N, C-alpha and C. Protein backbone atom coordinates (compact mmCIF):
# COMPACT_ATOMS: atom_id res chain seq x y z
N MET A 1 104.48 117.98 96.85
CA MET A 1 104.53 116.58 96.31
C MET A 1 105.14 115.65 97.99
N PHE A 2 104.97 114.89 97.62
CA PHE A 2 105.52 113.84 98.90
C PHE A 2 105.92 113.04 98.36
N ALA A 3 106.68 111.95 98.95
CA ALA A 3 107.75 110.36 98.05
C ALA A 3 108.02 109.51 100.44
N ARG A 4 107.35 108.66 100.00
CA ARG A 4 107.44 107.29 100.84
C ARG A 4 108.38 106.62 100.03
N VAL A 5 109.47 106.03 100.97
CA VAL A 5 110.77 105.49 100.82
C VAL A 5 110.87 104.55 101.33
N ALA A 6 110.10 103.23 101.09
CA ALA A 6 110.60 102.07 102.01
C ALA A 6 111.93 101.39 101.33
N THR A 7 112.49 100.35 102.40
CA THR A 7 114.00 99.82 101.87
C THR A 7 113.48 98.50 102.71
N PHE A 8 113.84 98.03 101.42
CA PHE A 8 114.34 96.68 101.60
C PHE A 8 115.96 95.59 101.79
N GLU A 9 116.06 94.62 102.57
CA GLU A 9 116.70 93.87 102.45
C GLU A 9 116.48 92.74 101.77
N GLY A 10 117.73 91.77 100.81
CA GLY A 10 117.51 90.04 100.02
C GLY A 10 116.43 90.52 99.68
N GLY A 11 116.13 90.00 99.57
CA GLY A 11 114.90 89.15 98.19
C GLY A 11 115.00 89.09 96.59
N ASP A 12 114.60 88.82 96.10
CA ASP A 12 115.03 88.09 94.99
C ASP A 12 114.53 89.33 93.23
N VAL A 13 115.28 89.94 93.62
CA VAL A 13 115.20 91.05 92.14
C VAL A 13 114.13 90.63 90.87
N GLN A 14 115.35 90.17 90.73
CA GLN A 14 114.48 89.49 88.96
C GLN A 14 113.18 88.62 89.40
N ARG A 15 112.90 87.55 90.35
CA ARG A 15 111.70 87.57 90.01
C ARG A 15 110.45 88.41 90.40
N LEU A 16 111.32 89.83 91.40
CA LEU A 16 110.31 90.66 91.62
C LEU A 16 109.99 91.51 90.49
N GLN A 17 110.48 91.46 89.28
CA GLN A 17 110.58 92.12 88.55
C GLN A 17 109.68 91.27 87.15
N GLN A 18 109.89 89.88 88.23
CA GLN A 18 108.75 89.28 86.32
C GLN A 18 107.44 89.16 87.44
N MET A 19 107.29 89.38 88.62
CA MET A 19 106.15 89.64 89.12
C MET A 19 105.10 90.90 88.80
N ASN A 20 106.04 91.70 89.00
CA ASN A 20 105.60 93.10 88.18
C ASN A 20 104.91 92.71 87.14
N GLU A 21 106.14 92.85 86.09
CA GLU A 21 105.33 92.35 84.76
C GLU A 21 104.01 91.70 84.36
N GLU A 22 104.01 90.89 85.05
CA GLU A 22 103.11 89.62 85.27
C GLU A 22 102.09 90.47 85.46
N ARG A 23 102.05 90.95 86.40
CA ARG A 23 100.56 91.95 87.35
C ARG A 23 100.59 93.00 85.82
N MET A 24 101.04 93.88 85.70
CA MET A 24 101.02 94.88 84.69
C MET A 24 100.32 94.56 83.61
N SER A 25 100.95 93.41 82.67
CA SER A 25 100.39 92.85 81.22
C SER A 25 99.12 92.04 81.56
N SER A 26 98.60 91.52 82.94
CA SER A 26 97.63 90.84 83.20
C SER A 26 96.81 91.98 83.85
N GLY A 27 96.99 93.49 84.02
CA GLY A 27 95.45 94.43 84.66
C GLY A 27 95.54 93.72 86.00
N GLU A 28 95.86 92.94 86.67
CA GLU A 28 96.63 92.87 87.96
C GLU A 28 97.28 93.65 89.23
N MET A 29 97.67 94.65 88.64
CA MET A 29 98.54 95.80 89.54
C MET A 29 97.20 96.54 89.76
N ASN A 30 97.45 96.19 91.02
CA ASN A 30 96.46 97.22 92.09
C ASN A 30 97.34 98.39 92.71
N PRO A 31 97.72 99.52 92.33
CA PRO A 31 98.50 100.71 93.41
C PRO A 31 97.66 100.74 94.15
N PRO A 32 98.18 101.79 95.30
CA PRO A 32 97.68 102.39 95.86
C PRO A 32 96.95 103.64 95.26
N ALA A 33 95.93 104.01 95.82
CA ALA A 33 95.08 105.50 95.30
C ALA A 33 96.06 106.36 95.74
N GLY A 34 95.86 107.58 94.34
CA GLY A 34 96.83 109.12 94.82
C GLY A 34 98.04 108.68 94.46
N MET A 35 98.73 107.70 94.08
CA MET A 35 100.00 106.99 93.98
C MET A 35 100.20 107.71 92.36
N LYS A 36 101.22 108.96 92.05
CA LYS A 36 101.51 109.51 91.00
C LYS A 36 102.64 108.83 90.03
N ARG A 37 103.61 108.70 90.85
CA ARG A 37 104.52 107.15 90.13
C ARG A 37 105.18 106.66 91.10
N ALA A 38 105.87 105.81 91.12
CA ALA A 38 106.60 105.11 91.58
C ALA A 38 107.89 104.77 90.88
N MET A 39 109.31 104.45 91.44
CA MET A 39 110.75 104.22 90.90
C MET A 39 110.94 103.21 92.33
N LEU A 40 112.05 102.20 91.44
CA LEU A 40 112.76 100.97 92.47
C LEU A 40 114.01 101.61 92.13
N LEU A 41 114.98 101.54 93.42
CA LEU A 41 115.98 101.37 92.95
C LEU A 41 116.91 100.58 93.75
N GLN A 42 118.04 100.04 93.30
CA GLN A 42 118.26 99.08 93.71
C GLN A 42 120.02 98.57 93.68
N GLY A 43 120.32 98.88 95.29
CA GLY A 43 122.03 98.46 95.14
C GLY A 43 122.55 98.26 96.77
N ASP A 44 123.16 98.26 97.70
CA ASP A 44 123.15 97.46 98.17
C ASP A 44 121.48 97.01 99.65
N ARG A 45 120.64 97.72 99.37
CA ARG A 45 119.59 97.80 99.64
C ARG A 45 118.59 98.04 98.86
N ARG A 46 117.65 98.20 98.34
CA ARG A 46 116.70 98.32 97.74
C ARG A 46 115.86 99.01 98.32
N LEU A 47 115.16 100.68 97.31
CA LEU A 47 114.43 101.41 97.72
C LEU A 47 113.56 101.45 96.61
N PHE A 48 112.07 101.39 97.43
CA PHE A 48 110.96 101.17 96.60
C PHE A 48 110.45 103.13 96.92
N VAL A 49 110.28 103.51 96.09
CA VAL A 49 109.84 105.82 95.92
C VAL A 49 108.60 105.67 95.28
N ALA A 50 107.48 106.27 96.60
CA ALA A 50 106.10 106.54 95.31
C ALA A 50 105.88 107.74 96.16
N PHE A 51 105.56 108.60 94.72
CA PHE A 51 105.00 109.80 94.89
C PHE A 51 103.50 110.26 95.44
N PHE A 52 103.12 111.18 95.74
CA PHE A 52 101.68 111.39 96.13
C PHE A 52 101.75 112.99 96.12
N ASP A 53 100.91 113.11 95.38
CA ASP A 53 100.44 115.30 95.54
C ASP A 53 100.44 115.66 96.87
N SER A 54 99.63 114.65 97.79
CA SER A 54 99.57 115.23 99.34
C SER A 54 100.32 114.44 100.47
N ARG A 55 100.30 114.45 101.47
CA ARG A 55 100.71 113.87 102.63
C ARG A 55 99.55 113.85 103.14
N GLU A 56 98.47 113.64 102.95
CA GLU A 56 96.82 112.86 103.00
C GLU A 56 96.85 111.52 102.43
N GLU A 57 96.83 112.21 100.76
CA GLU A 57 97.19 110.75 99.51
C GLU A 57 98.20 109.75 100.58
N LEU A 58 99.36 109.84 100.84
CA LEU A 58 99.75 109.29 100.83
C LEU A 58 99.67 108.38 102.05
N ASP A 59 99.41 109.08 103.29
CA ASP A 59 98.82 108.11 104.84
C ASP A 59 97.65 107.99 104.53
N ALA A 60 97.11 107.96 103.50
CA ALA A 60 95.78 106.99 103.04
C ALA A 60 96.19 105.66 102.02
N ALA A 61 97.11 105.86 101.79
CA ALA A 61 97.27 104.78 101.17
C ALA A 61 98.64 103.87 101.79
N GLU A 62 98.85 103.51 103.60
CA GLU A 62 99.24 102.87 103.89
C GLU A 62 98.40 101.91 104.50
N GLN A 63 97.49 101.56 104.06
CA GLN A 63 96.98 100.49 104.58
C GLN A 63 97.23 99.77 103.13
N ARG A 64 97.16 99.92 101.44
CA ARG A 64 97.10 99.82 100.92
C ARG A 64 98.64 98.79 100.17
N PHE A 65 100.03 100.07 101.20
CA PHE A 65 101.22 99.25 100.97
C PHE A 65 101.40 98.32 101.78
N GLU A 66 100.39 97.96 103.14
CA GLU A 66 101.13 96.84 104.22
C GLU A 66 100.17 95.48 103.76
N SER A 67 98.71 95.63 102.49
CA SER A 67 98.53 94.38 102.05
C SER A 67 99.33 94.14 100.77
N MET A 68 99.53 94.74 100.20
CA MET A 68 100.87 94.59 98.83
C MET A 68 101.83 93.94 99.93
N GLY A 69 102.72 94.03 101.14
CA GLY A 69 103.29 93.42 101.63
C GLY A 69 102.83 92.00 101.78
N ASP A 70 101.51 91.70 102.23
CA ASP A 70 101.30 90.15 102.23
C ASP A 70 100.80 89.67 100.99
N GLU A 71 100.63 90.62 99.84
CA GLU A 71 100.64 89.78 98.49
C GLU A 71 101.94 89.07 97.76
N ILE A 72 102.93 89.53 98.30
CA ILE A 72 104.55 89.19 97.54
C ILE A 72 104.79 88.91 98.90
N PRO A 73 105.68 87.65 98.70
CA PRO A 73 106.41 86.95 100.02
C PRO A 73 107.67 87.45 99.93
N GLU A 74 108.09 87.34 101.39
CA GLU A 74 109.47 88.26 101.56
C GLU A 74 110.61 87.57 101.26
N GLU A 75 110.71 86.38 100.70
CA GLU A 75 112.07 86.02 99.97
C GLU A 75 111.62 86.59 98.47
N VAL A 76 110.91 87.01 98.07
CA VAL A 76 110.93 87.47 96.84
C VAL A 76 110.91 89.19 96.55
N ARG A 77 110.08 89.88 97.77
CA ARG A 77 110.37 91.39 97.90
C ARG A 77 111.91 91.82 99.01
N GLY A 78 111.84 90.71 99.81
CA GLY A 78 112.67 91.07 101.33
C GLY A 78 111.99 91.75 102.30
N ARG A 79 113.06 91.94 103.17
CA ARG A 79 112.63 92.41 104.52
C ARG A 79 112.71 94.10 104.45
N ARG A 80 111.29 94.11 105.10
CA ARG A 80 111.30 95.60 104.86
C ARG A 80 112.33 96.15 106.36
N VAL A 81 112.90 97.11 106.07
CA VAL A 81 113.70 97.40 107.81
C VAL A 81 113.41 98.83 107.73
N GLY A 82 112.87 99.53 107.12
CA GLY A 82 112.69 100.99 107.35
C GLY A 82 111.73 102.05 106.27
N VAL A 83 110.82 102.46 106.86
CA VAL A 83 109.79 103.31 105.70
C VAL A 83 109.99 104.86 106.09
N ASP A 84 110.19 105.97 105.24
CA ASP A 84 110.39 107.46 105.41
C ASP A 84 109.89 107.99 104.81
N VAL A 85 109.71 109.03 105.00
CA VAL A 85 108.37 110.13 103.93
C VAL A 85 109.04 111.09 104.10
N TYR A 86 109.04 111.92 102.86
CA TYR A 86 109.82 113.41 102.31
C TYR A 86 108.72 113.83 101.64
N GLU A 87 109.03 115.38 101.61
CA GLU A 87 108.28 116.39 101.06
C GLU A 87 109.30 116.40 99.99
N VAL A 88 108.90 116.35 98.71
CA VAL A 88 109.99 116.61 97.49
C VAL A 88 110.11 118.19 97.66
N VAL A 89 110.92 119.21 97.19
CA VAL A 89 111.30 119.94 97.76
C VAL A 89 111.71 120.51 96.17
N PHE A 90 112.17 119.56 95.40
CA PHE A 90 113.06 119.70 94.21
C PHE A 90 112.65 118.37 93.45
N ASP A 91 112.40 118.96 92.29
CA ASP A 91 112.38 117.73 91.52
C ASP A 91 112.10 118.01 89.93
N GLU A 92 113.46 117.67 89.01
CA GLU A 92 113.86 118.48 87.58
C GLU A 92 114.14 116.98 86.85
N SER A 93 113.09 117.18 85.70
CA SER A 93 113.55 115.90 85.02
C SER A 93 114.05 116.29 83.78
N MET A 94 115.47 115.14 83.18
CA MET A 94 116.23 115.90 82.55
C MET A 94 116.47 115.61 81.08
């Protein structure tokens, strides 16, 4: 399994949550193909973690991630300051 971690600064977390809820309820949410699950972590920065079964699926999803950035205004999503990819070596649900 592989994880893509995009790091954001700024933005409007409440508005982002509202937009995501609206998209999910209306069926307009169009996640990248192959994405198994996602997490959004909030701290000094916001981390969006997306999980894929293979590096190939993750790489193929990059274009969709870029278009998603165009669909959400920067004042809402924040400014993306980094993207990293990790191989998941341990994942235990508690």
